[in-house]
Amino acid sequence: MKIDNLTTVFLIISVLIPGFIYGGVVSNLVPTRAGGEKEVLILRYLTATAFNYAICSPLIYLLVFNQIFKDDAVVHGILWFLVIFVIPVILGFLRGWIVQHDGLRWFHKLIRLRSINPIPTGWDWIFSTTDPCYLLITLTDGTEIAGYFGPSSMASSDPEHKDIFIEKVYKAPRRGHGVWQPVDGSLGMYVEGTQIAYIEFRG
């Protein structure tokens, strides 16, 4: 497709951008499985765009056929901006909330089906849904690391490389039973994922 006029630019934006924005928002809230080939990724964008337009179809009808909006170019432009750029963000946040809170569990129970969780691994699931908590990390050599995983902590969602940063480090008795003492002067600790044997989560 040759891009030689504003109509062509608007066509490309209206077809691809809503799905791209939706996918970007969802990927920042929910770890997703590998995207596969480029054609599959484009199809996902187009599907998300079609869903976005289906949701917005009453407003789009008014924009296209209603003369009231056409008389005011500013309002007309603002409403198209909402359809193409804002609504996909809202839908992306809604999808992220539903997945993180398993919001369709009631429906699956109603129709007696067991759904496959869209989050690819247990690592991704726990770190995308857990509230701030204490961790007792056991390394492959048996070393234990006690820490606090809070708003300033981070766990990687890269499928090829898992690691974690905990914002507070504690001295803890063996197996974490007893009083945890904060490590003076500590600014947190980085832990390489390949060195982790397992992680215990505590409230």
C-alpha atoms as a PDB file:
ATOM      1  CA  MET A   1       0.000   0.000   0.000  1.00  0.00           C
ATOM      2  CA  LYS A   2       1.437   3.358  -1.058  1.00  0.00           C
ATOM      3  CA  ILE A   3       1.179   6.069   1.594  1.00  0.00           C
ATOM      4  CA  ASP A   4       0.617   9.192  -0.478  1.00  0.00           C
ATOM      5  CA  ASN A   5      -2.300  10.981   1.163  1.00  0.00           C
ATOM      6  CA  LEU A   6      -3.982  11.596   4.511  1.00  0.00           C
ATOM      7  CA  THR A   7      -6.802   9.174   3.723  1.00  0.00           C
ATOM      8  CA  THR A   8      -4.338   6.289   3.398  1.00  0.00           C
ATOM      9  CA  VAL A   9      -2.585   7.300   6.627  1.00  0.00           C
ATOM     10  CA  PHE A  10      -5.912   7.444   8.461  1.00  0.00           C
ATOM     11  CA  LEU A  11      -6.869   4.029   7.054  1.00  0.00           C
ATOM     12  CA  ILE A  12      -3.638   2.444   8.326  1.00  0.00           C
ATOM     13  CA  ILE A  13      -4.017   4.095  11.733  1.00  0.00           C
ATOM     14  CA  SER A  14      -7.650   3.081  12.086  1.00  0.00           C
ATOM     15  CA  VAL A  15      -6.971  -0.549  11.127  1.00  0.00           C
ATOM     16  CA  LEU A  16      -3.794  -1.319  13.101  1.00  0.00           C
ATOM     17  CA  ILE A  17      -3.350   1.217  15.896  1.00  0.00           C
ATOM     18  CA  PRO A  18      -6.326   0.262  18.139  1.00  0.00           C
ATOM     19  CA  GLY A  19      -5.218  -3.385  18.203  1.00  0.00           C
ATOM     20  CA  PHE A  20      -1.589  -2.402  18.753  1.00  0.00           C
ATOM     21  CA  ILE A  21      -2.513  -0.142  21.680  1.00  0.00           C
ATOM     22  CA  TYR A  22      -4.778  -2.803  23.199  1.00  0.00           C
ATOM     23  CA  GLY A  23      -2.053  -5.450  22.913  1.00  0.00           C
ATOM     24  CA  GLY A  24       0.552  -3.135  24.411  1.00  0.00           C
ATOM     25  CA  VAL A  25      -1.593  -2.389  27.464  1.00  0.00           C
ATOM     26  CA  VAL A  26      -2.436  -6.063  28.030  1.00  0.00           C
ATOM     27  CA  SER A  27       1.205  -7.157  27.695  1.00  0.00           C
ATOM     28  CA  ASN A  28       2.193  -4.692  30.422  1.00  0.00           C
ATOM     29  CA  LEU A  29      -0.405  -6.116  32.808  1.00  0.00           C
ATOM     30  CA  VAL A  30      -0.439  -9.822  31.979  1.00  0.00           C
ATOM     31  CA  PRO A  31       2.481 -11.978  30.786  1.00  0.00           C
ATOM     32  CA  THR A  32       1.468 -13.646  27.549  1.00  0.00           C
ATOM     33  CA  ARG A  33       2.537 -16.727  25.648  1.00  0.00           C
ATOM     34  CA  ALA A  34       5.005 -16.408  22.789  1.00  0.00           C
ATOM     35  CA  GLY A  35       3.498 -14.449  19.928  1.00  0.00           C
ATOM     36  CA  GLY A  36       4.563 -16.794  17.143  1.00  0.00           C
ATOM     37  CA  GLU A  37       4.967 -15.625  13.563  1.00  0.00           C
ATOM     38  CA  LYS A  38       4.494 -12.071  12.337  1.00  0.00           C
ATOM     39  CA  GLU A  39       1.271 -13.008  10.550  1.00  0.00           C
ATOM     40  CA  VAL A  40      -0.231 -14.314  13.799  1.00  0.00           C
ATOM     41  CA  LEU A  41       0.707 -11.099  15.603  1.00  0.00           C
ATOM     42  CA  ILE A  42      -0.885  -8.946  12.903  1.00  0.00           C
ATOM     43  CA  LEU A  43      -4.027 -11.096  13.044  1.00  0.00           C
ATOM     44  CA  ARG A  44      -4.203 -10.497  16.807  1.00  0.00           C
ATOM     45  CA  TYR A  45      -3.975  -6.747  16.239  1.00  0.00           C
ATOM     46  CA  LEU A  46      -6.697  -6.872  13.591  1.00  0.00           C
ATOM     47  CA  THR A  47      -8.940  -8.994  15.824  1.00  0.00           C
ATOM     48  CA  ALA A  48      -8.493  -6.571  18.725  1.00  0.00           C
ATOM     49  CA  THR A  49      -9.247  -3.657  16.392  1.00  0.00           C
ATOM     50  CA  ALA A  50     -12.431  -5.375  15.170  1.00  0.00           C
ATOM     51  CA  PHE A  51     -13.539  -5.998  18.761  1.00  0.00           C
ATOM     52  CA  ASN A  52     -12.832  -2.363  19.628  1.00  0.00           C
ATOM     53  CA  TYR A  53     -14.974  -1.171  16.719  1.00  0.00           C
ATOM     54  CA  ALA A  54     -17.750  -3.579  17.656  1.00  0.00           C
ATOM     55  CA  ILE A  55     -17.841  -2.075  21.158  1.00  0.00           C
ATOM     56  CA  CYS A  56     -17.789   1.442  19.713  1.00  0.00           C
ATOM     57  CA  SER A  57     -20.222   0.730  16.864  1.00  0.00           C
ATOM     58  CA  PRO A  58     -23.037   3.009  18.158  1.00  0.00           C
ATOM     59  CA  LEU A  59     -20.631   5.947  18.422  1.00  0.00           C
ATOM     60  CA  ILE A  60     -19.055   5.140  15.039  1.00  0.00           C
ATOM     61  CA  TYR A  61     -22.521   5.111  13.470  1.00  0.00           C
ATOM     62  CA  LEU A  62     -23.164   8.598  14.841  1.00  0.00           C
ATOM     63  CA  LEU A  63     -19.780   9.811  13.609  1.00  0.00           C
ATOM     64  CA  VAL A  64     -20.330   8.504  10.101  1.00  0.00           C
ATOM     65  CA  PHE A  65     -24.026   9.192   9.537  1.00  0.00           C
ATOM     66  CA  ASN A  66     -25.081  11.841  12.058  1.00  0.00           C
ATOM     67  CA  GLN A  67     -24.871  15.396  10.729  1.00  0.00           C
ATOM     68  CA  ILE A  68     -24.689  16.947  14.221  1.00  0.00           C
ATOM     69  CA  PHE A  69     -21.140  15.733  14.831  1.00  0.00           C
ATOM     70  CA  LYS A  70     -20.039  16.589  11.286  1.00  0.00           C
ATOM     71  CA  ASP A  71     -20.957  20.232  11.852  1.00  0.00           C
ATOM     72  CA  ASP A  72     -18.372  20.499  14.643  1.00  0.00           C
ATOM     73  CA  ALA A  73     -14.942  19.392  13.425  1.00  0.00           C
ATOM     74  CA  VAL A  74     -13.395  19.629  16.894  1.00  0.00           C
ATOM     75  CA  VAL A  75     -15.970  17.362  18.536  1.00  0.00           C
ATOM     76  CA  HIS A  76     -15.802  15.031  15.543  1.00  0.00           C
ATOM     77  CA  GLY A  77     -12.010  14.736  15.870  1.00  0.00           C
ATOM     78  CA  ILE A  78     -12.133  14.246  19.645  1.00  0.00           C
ATOM     79  CA  LEU A  79     -14.651  11.417  19.335  1.00  0.00           C
ATOM     80  CA  TRP A  80     -12.557   9.638  16.683  1.00  0.00           C
ATOM     81  CA  PHE A  81      -9.543  10.058  18.973  1.00  0.00           C
ATOM     82  CA  LEU A  82     -11.506   8.345  21.745  1.00  0.00           C
ATOM     83  CA  VAL A  83     -12.474   5.466  19.451  1.00  0.00           C
ATOM     84  CA  ILE A  84      -8.997   4.871  18.026  1.00  0.00           C
ATOM     85  CA  PHE A  85      -6.712   5.683  20.973  1.00  0.00           C
ATOM     86  CA  VAL A  86      -8.597   5.870  24.298  1.00  0.00           C
ATOM     87  CA  ILE A  87     -11.146   3.032  24.182  1.00  0.00           C
ATOM     88  CA  PRO A  88      -8.451   0.415  23.328  1.00  0.00           C
ATOM     89  CA  VAL A  89      -6.544   1.494  26.462  1.00  0.00           C
ATOM     90  CA  ILE A  90      -9.673   1.056  28.595  1.00  0.00           C
ATOM     91  CA  LEU A  91     -10.377  -2.351  27.048  1.00  0.00           C
ATOM     92  CA  GLY A  92      -6.746  -3.389  27.631  1.00  0.00           C
ATOM     93  CA  PHE A  93      -6.922  -2.461  31.316  1.00  0.00           C
ATOM     94  CA  LEU A  94     -10.238  -4.312  31.614  1.00  0.00           C
ATOM     95  CA  ARG A  95      -8.727  -7.442  30.041  1.00  0.00           C
ATOM     96  CA  GLY A  96      -5.736  -7.216  32.392  1.00  0.00           C
ATOM     97  CA  TRP A  97      -8.007  -6.903  35.433  1.00  0.00           C
ATOM     98  CA  ILE A  98     -10.134  -9.872  34.356  1.00  0.00           C
ATOM     99  CA  VAL A  99      -7.107 -12.127  33.833  1.00  0.00           C
ATOM    100  CA  GLN A 100      -5.335 -11.061  37.040  1.00  0.00           C
ATOM    101  CA  HIS A 101      -8.474 -11.623  39.132  1.00  0.00           C
ATOM    102  CA  ASP A 102      -9.732 -14.681  37.221  1.00  0.00           C
ATOM    103  CA  GLY A 103     -12.891 -12.709  36.574  1.00  0.00           C
ATOM    104  CA  LEU A 104     -14.506 -15.342  34.336  1.00  0.00           C
ATOM    105  CA  ARG A 105     -14.219 -18.213  36.820  1.00  0.00           C
ATOM    106  CA  TRP A 106     -17.913 -17.944  37.689  1.00  0.00           C
ATOM    107  CA  PHE A 107     -18.861 -18.367  34.023  1.00  0.00           C
ATOM    108  CA  HIS A 108     -16.585 -21.375  33.586  1.00  0.00           C
ATOM    109  CA  LYS A 109     -18.143 -22.988  36.649  1.00  0.00           C
ATOM    110  CA  LEU A 110     -21.609 -22.209  35.324  1.00  0.00           C
ATOM    111  CA  ILE A 111     -21.005 -24.094  32.080  1.00  0.00           C
ATOM    112  CA  ARG A 112     -18.833 -26.720  33.815  1.00  0.00           C
ATOM    113  CA  LEU A 113     -15.653 -26.096  31.867  1.00  0.00           C
ATOM    114  CA  ARG A 114     -12.045 -25.941  32.989  1.00  0.00           C
ATOM    115  CA  SER A 115     -10.246 -23.124  31.221  1.00  0.00           C
ATOM    116  CA  ILE A 116      -6.536 -22.933  30.415  1.00  0.00           C
ATOM    117  CA  ASN A 117      -4.879 -20.020  32.171  1.00  0.00           C
ATOM    118  CA  PRO A 118      -3.579 -17.570  29.531  1.00  0.00           C
ATOM    119  CA  ILE A 119      -0.547 -16.728  31.708  1.00  0.00           C
ATOM    120  CA  PRO A 120       2.244 -19.016  30.460  1.00  0.00           C
ATOM    121  CA  THR A 121       4.070 -20.040  33.684  1.00  0.00           C
ATOM    122  CA  GLY A 122       3.549 -20.263  37.434  1.00  0.00           C
ATOM    123  CA  TRP A 123       6.354 -17.713  37.849  1.00  0.00           C
ATOM    124  CA  ASP A 124       4.491 -15.191  35.682  1.00  0.00           C
ATOM    125  CA  TRP A 125       1.178 -15.916  37.370  1.00  0.00           C
ATOM    126  CA  ILE A 126       2.300 -15.464  40.960  1.00  0.00           C
ATOM    127  CA  PHE A 127       4.334 -12.320  40.325  1.00  0.00           C
ATOM    128  CA  SER A 128       1.591 -10.689  38.239  1.00  0.00           C
ATOM    129  CA  THR A 129      -1.172 -11.392  40.773  1.00  0.00           C
ATOM    130  CA  THR A 130       0.453 -11.400  44.223  1.00  0.00           C
ATOM    131  CA  ASP A 131       0.199  -8.519  46.678  1.00  0.00           C
ATOM    132  CA  PRO A 132       3.326  -7.227  48.473  1.00  0.00           C
ATOM    133  CA  CYS A 133       4.634 -10.050  50.655  1.00  0.00           C
ATOM    134  CA  TYR A 134       7.723 -11.619  52.236  1.00  0.00           C
ATOM    135  CA  LEU A 135       9.794 -14.159  50.331  1.00  0.00           C
ATOM    136  CA  LEU A 136      12.051 -16.933  51.505  1.00  0.00           C
ATOM    137  CA  ILE A 137      14.198 -17.813  48.492  1.00  0.00           C
ATOM    138  CA  THR A 138      16.189 -21.045  48.523  1.00  0.00           C
ATOM    139  CA  LEU A 139      19.044 -21.221  46.033  1.00  0.00           C
ATOM    140  CA  THR A 140      20.235 -24.348  44.270  1.00  0.00           C
ATOM    141  CA  ASP A 141      23.190 -24.608  46.708  1.00  0.00           C
ATOM    142  CA  GLY A 142      20.851 -24.472  49.732  1.00  0.00           C
ATOM    143  CA  THR A 143      21.486 -20.824  50.620  1.00  0.00           C
ATOM    144  CA  GLU A 144      18.398 -19.020  51.888  1.00  0.00           C
ATOM    145  CA  ILE A 145      17.570 -15.380  51.181  1.00  0.00           C
ATOM    146  CA  ALA A 146      14.801 -13.650  53.125  1.00  0.00           C
ATOM    147  CA  GLY A 147      13.332 -10.479  51.680  1.00  0.00           C
ATOM    148  CA  TYR A 148      10.338  -8.247  51.107  1.00  0.00           C
ATOM    149  CA  PHE A 149       8.748  -8.105  47.647  1.00  0.00           C
ATOM    150  CA  GLY A 150       6.950  -4.764  47.446  1.00  0.00           C
ATOM    151  CA  PRO A 151       6.160  -1.931  45.028  1.00  0.00           C
ATOM    152  CA  SER A 152       9.872  -1.232  44.426  1.00  0.00           C
ATOM    153  CA  SER A 153      10.679  -4.893  43.733  1.00  0.00           C
ATOM    154  CA  MET A 154      10.654  -6.558  40.312  1.00  0.00           C
ATOM    155  CA  ALA A 155      10.369 -10.024  38.850  1.00  0.00           C
ATOM    156  CA  SER A 156      11.257 -10.540  35.199  1.00  0.00           C
ATOM    157  CA  SER A 157       8.580 -11.595  32.730  1.00  0.00           C
ATOM    158  CA  ASP A 158      11.110 -12.403  29.996  1.00  0.00           C
ATOM    159  CA  PRO A 159      10.416 -16.032  28.993  1.00  0.00           C
ATOM    160  CA  GLU A 160      14.109 -16.593  28.259  1.00  0.00           C
ATOM    161  CA  HIS A 161      15.534 -15.092  31.437  1.00  0.00           C
ATOM    162  CA  LYS A 162      14.018 -15.160  34.916  1.00  0.00           C
ATOM    163  CA  ASP A 163      15.419 -13.052  37.726  1.00  0.00           C
ATOM    164  CA  ILE A 164      14.136 -11.083  40.686  1.00  0.00           C
ATOM    165  CA  PHE A 165      14.978  -7.951  42.658  1.00  0.00           C
ATOM    166  CA  ILE A 166      13.774  -7.704  46.260  1.00  0.00           C
ATOM    167  CA  GLU A 167      13.741  -4.237  47.799  1.00  0.00           C
ATOM    168  CA  LYS A 168      14.417  -5.268  51.408  1.00  0.00           C
ATOM    169  CA  VAL A 169      16.709  -8.016  52.685  1.00  0.00           C
ATOM    170  CA  TYR A 170      16.462  -9.702  56.087  1.00  0.00           C
ATOM    171  CA  LYS A 171      18.553 -11.979  58.263  1.00  0.00           C
ATOM    172  CA  ALA A 172      16.396 -14.981  59.067  1.00  0.00           C
ATOM    173  CA  PRO A 173      16.922 -18.231  60.976  1.00  0.00           C
ATOM    174  CA  ARG A 174      17.128 -21.471  59.014  1.00  0.00           C
ATOM    175  CA  ARG A 175      13.874 -22.158  57.136  1.00  0.00           C
ATOM    176  CA  GLY A 176      12.747 -18.655  58.119  1.00  0.00           C
ATOM    177  CA  HIS A 177      11.265 -19.692  61.464  1.00  0.00           C
ATOM    178  CA  GLY A 178      11.752 -16.950  64.020  1.00  0.00           C
ATOM    179  CA  VAL A 179      12.257 -13.202  63.949  1.00  0.00           C
ATOM    180  CA  TRP A 180      13.513 -11.632  60.732  1.00  0.00           C
ATOM    181  CA  GLN A 181      16.011  -8.807  61.231  1.00  0.00           C
ATOM    182  CA  PRO A 182      16.486  -6.125  58.504  1.00  0.00           C
ATOM    183  CA  VAL A 183      19.992  -6.004  57.028  1.00  0.00           C
ATOM    184  CA  ASP A 184      21.451  -2.591  57.883  1.00  0.00           C
ATOM    185  CA  GLY A 185      22.366  -0.444  54.897  1.00  0.00           C
ATOM    186  CA  SER A 186      20.884  -2.845  52.358  1.00  0.00           C
ATOM    187  CA  LEU A 187      19.343  -1.299  49.234  1.00  0.00           C
ATOM    188  CA  GLY A 188      17.866  -4.588  48.073  1.00  0.00           C
ATOM    189  CA  MET A 189      19.190  -7.710  46.393  1.00  0.00           C
ATOM    190  CA  TYR A 190      19.241  -9.068  42.857  1.00  0.00           C
ATOM    191  CA  VAL A 191      18.829 -12.831  42.478  1.00  0.00           C
ATOM    192  CA  GLU A 192      19.602 -14.652  39.236  1.00  0.00           C
ATOM    193  CA  GLY A 193      16.724 -16.927  38.258  1.00  0.00           C
ATOM    194  CA  THR A 194      18.893 -19.898  37.319  1.00  0.00           C
ATOM    195  CA  GLN A 195      20.219 -19.967  40.905  1.00  0.00           C
ATOM    196  CA  ILE A 196      16.749 -20.251  42.468  1.00  0.00           C
ATOM    197  CA  ALA A 197      15.533 -23.686  43.545  1.00  0.00           C
ATOM    198  CA  TYR A 198      12.188 -22.544  44.977  1.00  0.00           C
ATOM    199  CA  ILE A 199      10.466 -19.579  46.635  1.00  0.00           C
ATOM    200  CA  GLU A 200       8.170 -19.555  49.659  1.00  0.00           C
ATOM    201  CA  PHE A 201       5.668 -16.697  49.875  1.00  0.00           C
ATOM    202  CA  ARG A 202       4.642 -15.346  53.287  1.00  0.00           C
ATOM    203  CA  GLY A 203       2.140 -12.761  54.411  1.00  0.00           C
END
